[in-house]
Amino acid sequence: NISVFNEMSTDAFYYAEPLDPNSISEAIGAALSKNEFDQKHKEYSSVLKRYTWDNSAKRALEAIGQMKPEEVVENKLKLAIFAPTPAGYSAIGKVVLLMHAEMSRYFDIDYYVEEGSSVREFSRPNYLPFIANVVSAKKFNRALYKKYDAVVYHVGNSEFHLETIKNSLYLPGYAIVHDSHLANIFTTDLLRLGYISDDRLLAEKKLDEKIRNEKANYITSILNNQIGIIVHSAFQKDGIEKNIFNEGVECNLLNIPVSTPSQTMANRLDSLVTIGMAGIIDPAKGLDTVERLAQDPEFLDTKIVIFGIPLVSEDVIQRLRSYPNVEVHTNLTDFQFQNLLSRLDILISFRPDERGYPSLATIEAMRYGVVPIVKKLGWYDELPDNAVVKVLSETELAAELRELIDDPVRRGEIQVNAQEFMRDTHSYAKYAERLYEVISSSDKNTSPASISKLLKAGASKDKIRKYISEK
């Protein structure tokens, strides 16, 4: 039961859920006993009439005739992009991989990737090295910095951002801020690896004490050393702008990009409403809330699917699987993840200590028309009221969830609105275009831009230090 066969026919085949052994067994049994076979067989001729060499040739010629030359920027900017490896579990790496086609219309790109230090089962097929120049981030230096019109840093708070942060602290570029709370990475890995000293760590801490901003920590130096900043929500923009005191360093808001599928969605074989939790499987991501819902008699008439990368023990996974209405899928391929996501009716994105930053799993669900229930905070509250359901507490979440289950008409209206919003505002093409505008039109008279010019001109450390002290 996947979209490619649904496009051929929704009636002619015996369908099974590809990740459900019971469903596969039932479908095989139905096929062997030829249940409703005569009715299915009637569909064969109409399917075969569509799938002919003649039709394929006609469709190909029609498509070629409608094609327009792709608009490409004549003078592409030479760009270095620091990012997590697409092969790792970081969602940022996946987005960078999927963005390459649109980004290459505007930029000539070299990717400097970070592999991370931990060993996990999860591994994403990574074709980026076959279509672009990909180098280890550890090889970047001041000499290479001179080659580029600009450097883009994907800044986060995980093991995939160590070299990124180290370089962003002294080589000015454009920081795409995915997380503005970097205390964990500063106080652990950066210090342990000698990328910063104890004095450097103390200086960053003193900056935080002076600024007193609850929405950001250990990020002030990074922000003020950049030519430009990119964030993905107004909430985030408002938060980190309090930490920017270097005149001329502009913070730009771009919508986090995602593609909107146009293919047919898979048939619904299960009449139960399906509720999901997707992404990182961990209490910090709202796992305890979902488990309490699974135990609530009010929701025994639903199917709850938890899927993604587990950061909990195998005992916890087995406990979750013991509930009769719960499925748990771990360490999935991207196809399996997207397949499960597209089959949800409702996605719960409700974390106990939610900071209100953008969620890729939420917008990926919205592009399929899944109804998200989110905490009314930050970026989530910026989403249209007609495209998500916003709640303030776990009690309110349970009440809204019950109402959605009982009201398929309301779910259908939200599904349509969610897909339209994603299609109109969050495309890869719009993101690449806006990023090009930001980089090509930035005020080059800012202090970080001047430092960048000095670095590229080969100025000595003393000369650069003198310039900084004067500023």
Protein backbone atom coordinates (compact mmCIF):
# COMPACT_ATOMS: atom_id res chain seq x y z
CA ASN A 1 0.00 0.00 0.00
CA ILE A 2 2.27 2.75 -1.29
CA SER A 3 1.48 5.69 -3.52
CA VAL A 4 2.99 4.29 -6.75
CA PHE A 5 0.47 1.40 -6.81
CA ASN A 6 -2.39 3.64 -5.67
CA GLU A 7 -1.71 5.79 -8.73
CA MET A 8 -2.23 2.71 -10.92
CA SER A 9 -5.45 1.67 -9.19
CA THR A 10 -7.02 1.83 -5.75
CA ASP A 11 -9.28 -1.19 -6.44
CA ALA A 12 -7.44 -3.66 -8.69
CA PHE A 13 -4.90 -5.02 -6.19
CA TYR A 14 -4.79 -6.71 -2.80
CA TYR A 15 -3.18 -4.07 -0.62
CA ALA A 16 -1.08 -4.52 2.54
CA GLU A 17 0.64 -2.12 4.90
CA PRO A 18 4.35 -2.63 4.11
CA LEU A 19 5.53 -2.41 7.74
CA ASP A 20 2.74 -4.56 9.25
CA PRO A 21 3.27 -8.37 9.07
CA ASN A 22 -0.37 -9.05 10.03
CA SER A 23 -1.63 -6.83 7.21
CA ILE A 24 0.70 -8.56 4.72
CA SER A 25 -0.51 -11.98 5.93
CA GLU A 26 -4.17 -10.97 5.57
CA ALA A 27 -3.60 -9.61 2.05
CA ILE A 28 -1.84 -12.81 0.94
CA GLY A 29 -4.71 -14.85 2.39
CA ALA A 30 -7.30 -12.72 0.56
CA ALA A 31 -5.39 -13.08 -2.71
CA LEU A 32 -5.02 -16.88 -2.38
CA SER A 33 -8.73 -17.25 -1.68
CA LYS A 34 -9.52 -14.81 -4.54
CA ASN A 35 -11.78 -12.62 -2.40
CA GLU A 36 -13.54 -10.11 -4.68
CA PHE A 37 -11.22 -11.16 -7.50
CA ASP A 38 -13.83 -10.84 -10.24
CA GLN A 39 -14.45 -7.21 -9.26
CA LYS A 40 -10.71 -6.48 -9.18
CA HIS A 41 -10.16 -8.23 -12.49
CA LYS A 42 -12.58 -5.84 -14.19
CA GLU A 43 -10.15 -3.03 -13.41
CA TYR A 44 -7.25 -4.68 -15.26
CA SER A 45 -8.20 -3.54 -18.76
CA SER A 46 -8.45 0.15 -17.76
CA VAL A 47 -5.05 -0.04 -16.05
CA LEU A 48 -3.43 -1.72 -19.05
CA LYS A 49 -4.89 0.85 -21.45
CA ARG A 50 -3.15 3.66 -19.55
CA TYR A 51 0.23 1.93 -19.33
CA THR A 52 1.32 1.52 -22.94
CA TRP A 53 4.46 2.49 -24.87
CA ASP A 54 2.32 4.74 -27.06
CA ASN A 55 0.89 6.64 -24.07
CA SER A 56 4.32 6.97 -22.49
CA ALA A 57 5.74 8.47 -25.71
CA LYS A 58 2.82 10.91 -26.03
CA ARG A 59 3.16 12.03 -22.38
CA ALA A 60 6.91 12.46 -22.79
CA LEU A 61 6.51 14.63 -25.88
CA GLU A 62 3.83 16.74 -24.16
CA ALA A 63 6.09 17.27 -21.16
CA ILE A 64 9.09 18.19 -23.32
CA GLY A 65 6.94 20.66 -25.24
CA GLN A 66 5.87 22.38 -22.03
CA MET A 67 9.37 22.66 -20.59
CA LYS A 68 10.86 26.11 -20.19
CA PRO A 69 14.59 26.84 -19.91
CA GLU A 70 15.58 26.94 -16.26
CA GLU A 71 16.51 30.40 -15.06
CA VAL A 72 20.01 30.34 -13.63
CA VAL A 73 21.90 33.25 -12.11
CA GLU A 74 24.61 34.32 -14.54
CA ASN A 75 27.21 35.23 -11.94
CA LYS A 76 26.88 32.55 -9.31
CA LEU A 77 28.40 33.20 -5.91
CA LYS A 78 31.13 30.80 -4.77
CA LEU A 79 29.83 29.40 -1.47
CA ALA A 80 31.23 27.23 1.33
CA ILE A 81 28.47 25.59 3.38
CA PHE A 82 29.19 24.03 6.78
CA ALA A 83 26.60 21.35 7.60
CA PRO A 84 26.08 17.97 9.28
CA THR A 85 26.69 15.04 6.97
CA PRO A 86 23.47 13.99 5.22
CA ALA A 87 24.36 10.40 6.14
CA GLY A 88 23.90 11.13 9.86
CA TYR A 89 20.74 11.42 11.93
CA SER A 90 20.71 15.24 11.88
CA ALA A 91 17.63 16.55 10.08
CA ILE A 92 19.69 19.58 9.01
CA GLY A 93 21.94 17.32 6.93
CA LYS A 94 18.90 15.88 5.19
CA VAL A 95 17.54 19.35 4.34
CA VAL A 96 20.94 20.45 2.99
CA LEU A 97 20.98 17.38 0.74
CA LEU A 98 17.46 18.01 -0.58
CA MET A 99 18.12 21.72 -1.04
CA HIS A 100 21.13 21.26 -3.32
CA ALA A 101 19.23 21.29 -6.62
CA GLU A 102 17.66 24.71 -5.93
CA MET A 103 20.76 26.10 -4.22
CA SER A 104 22.94 25.19 -7.21
CA ARG A 105 20.86 27.53 -9.39
CA TYR A 106 22.27 30.49 -7.45
CA PHE A 107 25.56 29.26 -5.97
CA ASP A 108 28.67 27.28 -6.86
CA ILE A 109 28.90 25.26 -3.65
CA ASP A 110 31.54 23.35 -1.73
CA TYR A 111 30.16 21.49 1.29
CA TYR A 112 32.23 21.14 4.47
CA VAL A 113 30.51 18.39 6.41
CA GLU A 114 30.78 17.09 9.97
CA GLU A 115 30.47 13.37 10.64
CA GLY A 116 29.78 13.46 14.39
CA SER A 117 31.56 11.34 16.95
CA SER A 118 28.92 8.86 18.17
CA VAL A 119 28.21 5.53 16.49
CA ARG A 120 24.53 4.88 15.71
CA GLU A 121 22.67 2.33 13.64
CA PHE A 122 20.96 5.04 11.64
CA SER A 123 22.51 5.95 8.29
CA ARG A 124 20.89 7.90 5.46
CA PRO A 125 21.84 7.18 1.82
CA ASN A 126 24.04 10.12 0.93
CA TYR A 127 24.35 11.04 -2.74
CA LEU A 128 25.71 14.54 -2.11
CA PRO A 129 29.38 13.56 -2.78
CA PHE A 130 28.32 12.32 -6.24
CA ILE A 131 26.71 15.60 -7.32
CA ALA A 132 28.79 18.22 -5.48
CA ASN A 133 32.21 18.84 -3.97
CA VAL A 134 32.09 17.51 -0.39
CA VAL A 135 35.02 17.95 2.02
CA SER A 136 35.55 17.20 5.70
CA ALA A 137 34.91 20.34 7.76
CA LYS A 138 38.17 19.63 9.63
CA LYS A 139 40.12 20.62 6.49
CA PHE A 140 38.77 24.17 6.35
CA ASN A 141 41.19 26.99 7.16
CA ARG A 142 41.93 30.66 6.53
CA ALA A 143 43.61 29.91 3.21
CA LEU A 144 40.51 28.16 1.90
CA TYR A 145 38.34 30.96 3.29
CA LYS A 146 39.83 33.31 0.66
CA LYS A 147 38.36 31.21 -2.18
CA TYR A 148 34.74 31.98 -1.38
CA ASP A 149 32.40 34.91 -1.85
CA ALA A 150 30.67 33.81 1.35
CA VAL A 151 30.61 31.06 3.98
CA VAL A 152 27.35 29.69 5.39
CA TYR A 153 27.34 28.07 8.83
CA HIS A 154 24.48 25.78 9.90
CA VAL A 155 24.68 26.39 13.65
CA GLY A 156 23.15 23.83 16.02
CA ASN A 157 23.72 22.30 19.43
CA SER A 158 24.83 18.76 18.59
CA GLU A 159 27.99 16.82 17.78
CA PHE A 160 27.53 17.74 14.09
CA HIS A 161 28.35 21.43 14.64
CA LEU A 162 31.74 21.50 16.40
CA GLU A 163 33.90 22.54 13.43
CA THR A 164 31.12 24.87 12.29
CA ILE A 165 31.13 26.79 15.56
CA LYS A 166 34.93 26.84 15.77
CA ASN A 167 35.22 28.44 12.33
CA SER A 168 32.25 30.78 12.79
CA LEU A 169 33.97 32.31 15.83
CA TYR A 170 36.80 33.78 13.76
CA LEU A 171 35.89 33.60 10.06
CA PRO A 172 32.85 35.86 9.41
CA GLY A 173 30.06 34.45 7.27
CA TYR A 174 26.30 33.88 7.37
CA ALA A 175 24.99 31.86 10.29
CA ILE A 176 21.77 29.89 9.83
CA VAL A 177 20.74 29.50 13.47
CA HIS A 178 18.87 26.26 14.18
CA ASP A 179 19.30 26.47 17.96
CA SER A 180 20.14 29.58 19.97
CA HIS A 181 20.90 27.68 23.20
CA LEU A 182 24.48 26.44 22.81
CA ALA A 183 25.46 26.04 26.48
CA ASN A 184 25.69 22.26 26.18
CA ILE A 185 28.11 22.20 23.26
CA PHE A 186 30.26 25.04 24.64
CA THR A 187 30.64 23.54 28.09
CA THR A 188 31.33 19.99 26.86
CA ASP A 189 32.75 19.11 23.43
CA LEU A 190 34.19 22.49 22.40
CA LEU A 191 36.06 22.76 25.68
CA ARG A 192 37.10 19.08 25.75
CA LEU A 193 38.54 19.23 22.24
CA GLY A 194 40.45 22.42 22.96
CA TYR A 195 38.49 24.48 20.41
CA ILE A 196 37.96 27.06 23.18
CA SER A 197 39.83 27.76 26.41
CA ASP A 198 38.48 28.07 29.95
CA ASP A 199 38.91 31.84 29.68
CA ARG A 200 37.00 31.87 26.40
CA LEU A 201 34.16 29.91 27.99
CA LEU A 202 34.07 32.30 30.95
CA ALA A 203 33.92 35.31 28.60
CA GLU A 204 30.87 33.86 26.84
CA LYS A 205 29.22 33.21 30.19
CA LYS A 206 29.81 36.81 31.28
CA LEU A 207 28.21 38.06 28.06
CA ASP A 208 25.09 36.04 28.88
CA GLU A 209 25.02 37.39 32.43
CA LYS A 210 25.20 40.93 31.07
CA ILE A 211 22.54 40.50 28.36
CA ARG A 212 20.13 38.31 30.42
CA ASN A 213 18.23 36.82 27.52
CA GLU A 214 16.21 33.67 28.29
CA LYS A 215 15.84 32.90 24.57
CA ALA A 216 19.57 32.51 23.87
CA ASN A 217 22.82 31.51 25.55
CA TYR A 218 26.46 30.97 24.57
CA ILE A 219 25.79 32.33 21.08
CA THR A 220 26.59 36.06 21.39
CA SER A 221 30.12 35.83 19.96
CA ILE A 222 28.97 33.77 16.99
CA LEU A 223 26.18 36.22 16.15
CA ASN A 224 28.34 39.33 16.35
CA ASN A 225 31.11 37.82 14.23
CA GLN A 226 28.82 37.21 11.22
CA ILE A 227 28.09 39.34 8.18
CA GLY A 228 24.46 38.17 8.36
CA ILE A 229 22.15 35.95 10.41
CA ILE A 230 19.32 33.72 9.14
CA VAL A 231 16.55 32.37 11.38
CA HIS A 232 13.33 30.47 10.71
CA SER A 233 10.76 32.15 12.96
CA ALA A 234 9.80 35.60 14.20
CA PHE A 235 9.99 34.22 17.74
CA GLN A 236 13.61 33.18 17.19
CA LYS A 237 14.45 36.47 15.47
CA ASP A 238 13.11 38.49 18.39
CA GLY A 239 15.08 36.32 20.80
CA ILE A 240 18.55 36.46 19.29
CA GLU A 241 18.42 40.11 18.16
CA LYS A 242 18.87 41.03 21.83
CA ASN A 243 22.32 39.42 21.64
CA ILE A 244 23.39 41.30 18.50
CA PHE A 245 25.14 44.57 19.33
CA ASN A 246 27.50 44.76 16.34
CA GLU A 247 26.01 47.51 14.22
CA GLY A 248 25.02 46.41 10.73
CA VAL A 249 24.70 42.68 11.46
CA GLU A 250 21.20 42.02 10.14
CA CYS A 251 18.99 39.13 11.24
CA ASN A 252 16.89 37.79 8.34
CA LEU A 253 13.76 35.63 8.62
CA LEU A 254 13.37 32.81 6.08
CA ASN A 255 10.77 30.04 6.21
CA ILE A 256 12.33 26.65 6.86
CA PRO A 257 12.14 24.80 3.52
CA VAL A 258 10.27 21.62 2.65
CA SER A 259 8.98 20.11 -0.58
CA THR A 260 5.24 19.63 -1.05
CA PRO A 261 4.40 16.21 -2.49
CA SER A 262 2.13 16.06 -5.51
CA GLN A 263 1.90 12.28 -5.74
CA THR A 264 -1.18 10.31 -4.73
CA MET A 265 -1.28 9.45 -1.04
CA ALA A 266 -1.67 5.80 -0.06
CA ASN A 267 -5.05 4.18 0.55
CA ARG A 268 -6.34 4.06 4.13
CA LEU A 269 -6.66 0.37 4.99
CA ASP A 270 -7.33 0.97 8.68
CA SER A 271 -10.55 2.63 9.79
CA LEU A 272 -8.95 3.72 13.09
CA VAL A 273 -7.79 7.32 13.41
CA THR A 274 -3.98 7.26 13.46
CA ILE A 275 -2.11 9.52 15.88
CA GLY A 276 1.64 9.91 15.60
CA MET A 277 4.80 11.12 17.30
CA ALA A 278 7.64 11.52 14.81
CA GLY A 279 11.37 12.33 15.02
CA ILE A 280 13.49 11.79 18.11
CA ILE A 281 11.96 9.25 20.52
CA ASP A 282 12.73 10.74 23.92
CA PRO A 283 10.86 12.18 26.94
CA ALA A 284 12.29 15.62 26.10
CA LYS A 285 10.34 15.43 22.81
CA GLY A 286 7.02 14.62 24.52
CA LEU A 287 7.21 10.82 24.74
CA ASP A 288 5.72 10.69 28.26
CA THR A 289 2.68 12.69 27.11
CA VAL A 290 2.07 10.28 24.23
CA GLU A 291 2.45 7.27 26.52
CA ARG A 292 -0.14 8.67 28.94
CA LEU A 293 -2.53 9.12 26.02
CA ALA A 294 -1.93 5.49 25.02
CA GLN A 295 -2.95 4.37 28.52
CA ASP A 296 -6.06 6.57 28.58
CA PRO A 297 -9.28 4.56 27.92
CA GLU A 298 -10.51 7.56 25.91
CA PHE A 299 -8.03 6.73 23.14
CA LEU A 300 -8.19 2.95 22.93
CA ASP A 301 -10.21 3.40 19.72
CA THR A 302 -7.19 4.95 17.97
CA LYS A 303 -3.88 3.74 16.63
CA ILE A 304 -0.82 5.50 18.06
CA VAL A 305 2.37 5.28 15.99
CA ILE A 306 5.71 6.37 17.47
CA PHE A 307 8.58 6.43 14.98
CA GLY A 308 12.05 7.89 14.50
CA ILE A 309 15.43 7.69 16.19
CA PRO A 310 15.32 6.26 19.74
CA LEU A 311 17.24 8.01 22.51
CA VAL A 312 15.66 5.74 25.14
CA SER A 313 16.55 2.22 26.26
CA GLU A 314 15.29 -0.94 24.59
CA ASP A 315 13.25 -1.64 27.75
CA VAL A 316 11.30 1.58 27.16
CA ILE A 317 10.71 0.66 23.50
CA GLN A 318 9.41 -2.79 24.52
CA ARG A 319 7.14 -1.25 27.16
CA LEU A 320 5.63 1.08 24.56
CA ARG A 321 5.10 -1.84 22.17
CA SER A 322 3.24 -3.74 24.89
CA TYR A 323 0.28 -1.35 24.66
CA PRO A 324 -2.39 -2.84 22.37
CA ASN A 325 -2.97 0.42 20.49
CA VAL A 326 0.70 1.43 20.02
CA GLU A 327 3.20 0.73 17.21
CA VAL A 328 6.88 1.74 17.52
CA HIS A 329 9.23 1.94 14.52
CA THR A 330 12.91 2.81 14.99
CA ASN A 331 15.93 3.56 12.81
CA LEU A 332 13.90 3.97 9.63
CA THR A 333 15.02 4.89 6.16
CA ASP A 334 13.82 8.28 4.90
CA PHE A 335 11.28 6.51 2.69
CA GLN A 336 9.88 4.53 5.62
CA PHE A 337 9.75 7.66 7.77
CA GLN A 338 7.90 9.67 5.11
CA ASN A 339 5.59 6.75 4.40
CA LEU A 340 4.55 6.53 8.06
CA LEU A 341 4.22 10.31 8.30
CA SER A 342 1.92 10.46 5.28
CA ARG A 343 -0.44 7.88 6.85
CA LEU A 344 -1.10 9.88 10.01
CA ASP A 345 -4.35 11.69 10.66
CA ILE A 346 -2.94 13.69 13.58
CA LEU A 347 0.63 14.51 14.67
CA ILE A 348 1.33 15.40 18.30
CA SER A 349 4.15 17.94 18.62
CA PHE A 350 3.92 18.81 22.30
CA ARG A 351 7.11 18.89 24.34
CA PRO A 352 7.20 19.47 28.11
CA ASP A 353 9.91 22.15 27.90
CA GLU A 354 9.11 23.48 24.44
CA ARG A 355 11.22 26.52 23.50
CA GLY A 356 9.11 27.37 20.47
CA TYR A 357 11.63 26.81 17.69
CA PRO A 358 10.68 25.44 14.24
CA SER A 359 10.03 21.72 13.91
CA LEU A 360 10.89 19.98 10.64
CA ALA A 361 8.72 16.96 11.50
CA THR A 362 5.73 19.28 11.98
CA ILE A 363 6.02 20.99 8.61
CA GLU A 364 6.78 17.69 6.86
CA ALA A 365 3.53 16.36 8.34
CA MET A 366 1.64 19.48 7.27
CA ARG A 367 2.75 19.06 3.66
CA TYR A 368 0.95 15.69 3.65
CA GLY A 369 -2.17 17.25 5.12
CA VAL A 370 -1.67 15.75 8.58
CA VAL A 371 -3.29 17.75 11.39
CA PRO A 372 -0.67 18.87 13.96
CA ILE A 373 -1.52 19.51 17.60
CA VAL A 374 1.12 21.92 18.92
CA LYS A 375 1.90 24.01 21.97
CA LYS A 376 0.74 27.61 21.58
CA LEU A 377 4.22 29.07 21.80
CA GLY A 378 6.85 30.70 19.60
CA TRP A 379 7.04 29.46 16.00
CA TYR A 380 4.09 27.14 16.51
CA ASP A 381 1.90 30.10 17.42
CA GLU A 382 3.00 31.84 14.19
CA LEU A 383 1.44 29.05 12.12
CA PRO A 384 -2.08 29.80 10.81
CA ASP A 385 -4.87 28.97 13.25
CA ASN A 386 -6.76 27.17 10.47
CA ALA A 387 -3.81 24.88 9.65
CA VAL A 388 -2.82 23.60 13.14
CA VAL A 389 -4.49 23.03 16.49
CA LYS A 390 -2.86 25.01 19.31
CA VAL A 391 -3.08 24.03 22.99
CA LEU A 392 -1.51 25.24 26.22
CA SER A 393 -1.62 22.15 28.44
CA GLU A 394 -1.69 18.37 28.31
CA THR A 395 -5.30 18.42 29.53
CA GLU A 396 -6.27 20.74 26.69
CA LEU A 397 -4.35 18.53 24.26
CA ALA A 398 -6.37 15.45 25.28
CA ALA A 399 -9.67 17.35 24.90
CA GLU A 400 -8.77 18.71 21.44
CA LEU A 401 -7.50 15.31 20.36
CA ARG A 402 -10.81 13.66 21.28
CA GLU A 403 -12.73 16.35 19.42
CA LEU A 404 -10.60 15.89 16.27
CA ILE A 405 -11.06 12.12 16.37
CA ASP A 406 -14.83 12.55 16.50
CA ASP A 407 -14.97 15.27 13.83
CA PRO A 408 -13.57 14.09 10.46
CA VAL A 409 -15.01 17.15 8.70
CA ARG A 410 -12.92 19.49 10.85
CA ARG A 411 -9.84 17.32 10.26
CA GLY A 412 -10.42 17.50 6.53
CA GLU A 413 -10.62 21.32 6.55
CA ILE A 414 -7.38 21.61 8.54
CA GLN A 415 -5.65 19.12 6.23
CA VAL A 416 -6.43 21.21 3.14
CA ASN A 417 -5.32 24.44 4.85
CA ALA A 418 -2.06 22.85 6.06
CA GLN A 419 -1.08 21.68 2.57
CA GLU A 420 -1.94 25.02 0.95
CA PHE A 421 0.12 26.90 3.55
CA MET A 422 3.16 24.69 2.99
CA ARG A 423 2.89 24.95 -0.78
CA ASP A 424 2.63 28.74 -0.70
CA THR A 425 5.29 29.62 1.86
CA HIS A 426 7.89 26.91 2.52
CA SER A 427 9.33 25.79 -0.83
CA TYR A 428 13.00 25.01 -1.51
CA ALA A 429 12.92 27.44 -4.45
CA LYS A 430 11.80 30.39 -2.33
CA TYR A 431 14.36 29.61 0.36
CA ALA A 432 17.28 29.48 -2.09
CA GLU A 433 16.15 32.70 -3.78
CA ARG A 434 15.82 34.56 -0.46
CA LEU A 435 19.21 33.31 0.74
CA TYR A 436 20.80 34.57 -2.47
CA GLU A 437 19.16 37.97 -1.93
CA VAL A 438 20.47 38.13 1.65
CA ILE A 439 24.05 37.23 0.71
CA SER A 440 24.27 39.32 -2.46
CA SER A 441 22.72 42.45 -0.93
CA SER A 442 24.28 42.49 2.54
CA ASP A 443 25.82 45.76 3.71
CA LYS A 444 29.53 45.20 3.07
CA ASN A 445 30.54 48.07 5.35
CA THR A 446 29.79 46.18 8.55
CA SER A 447 32.61 45.38 10.95
CA PRO A 448 32.51 41.59 10.30
CA ALA A 449 32.51 42.25 6.54
CA SER A 450 35.60 44.41 6.95
CA ILE A 451 37.30 41.71 9.02
CA SER A 452 36.41 39.23 6.29
CA LYS A 453 38.10 41.45 3.69
CA LEU A 454 41.21 41.76 5.87
CA LEU A 455 41.38 37.98 6.28
CA LYS A 456 41.02 37.39 2.55
CA ALA A 457 43.66 40.05 1.82
CA GLY A 458 46.16 38.19 4.00
CA ALA A 459 46.32 40.74 6.83
CA SER A 460 48.37 39.70 9.86
CA LYS A 461 46.76 38.68 13.13
CA ASP A 462 48.12 41.83 14.79
CA LYS A 463 46.51 44.05 12.17
CA ILE A 464 43.16 42.29 12.57
CA ARG A 465 43.37 42.46 16.36
CA LYS A 466 44.11 46.17 16.14
CA TYR A 467 41.09 46.69 13.87
CA ILE A 468 38.83 44.78 16.27
CA SER A 469 40.09 46.68 19.34
CA GLU A 470 39.50 50.00 17.60
CA LYS A 471 35.97 48.99 16.71
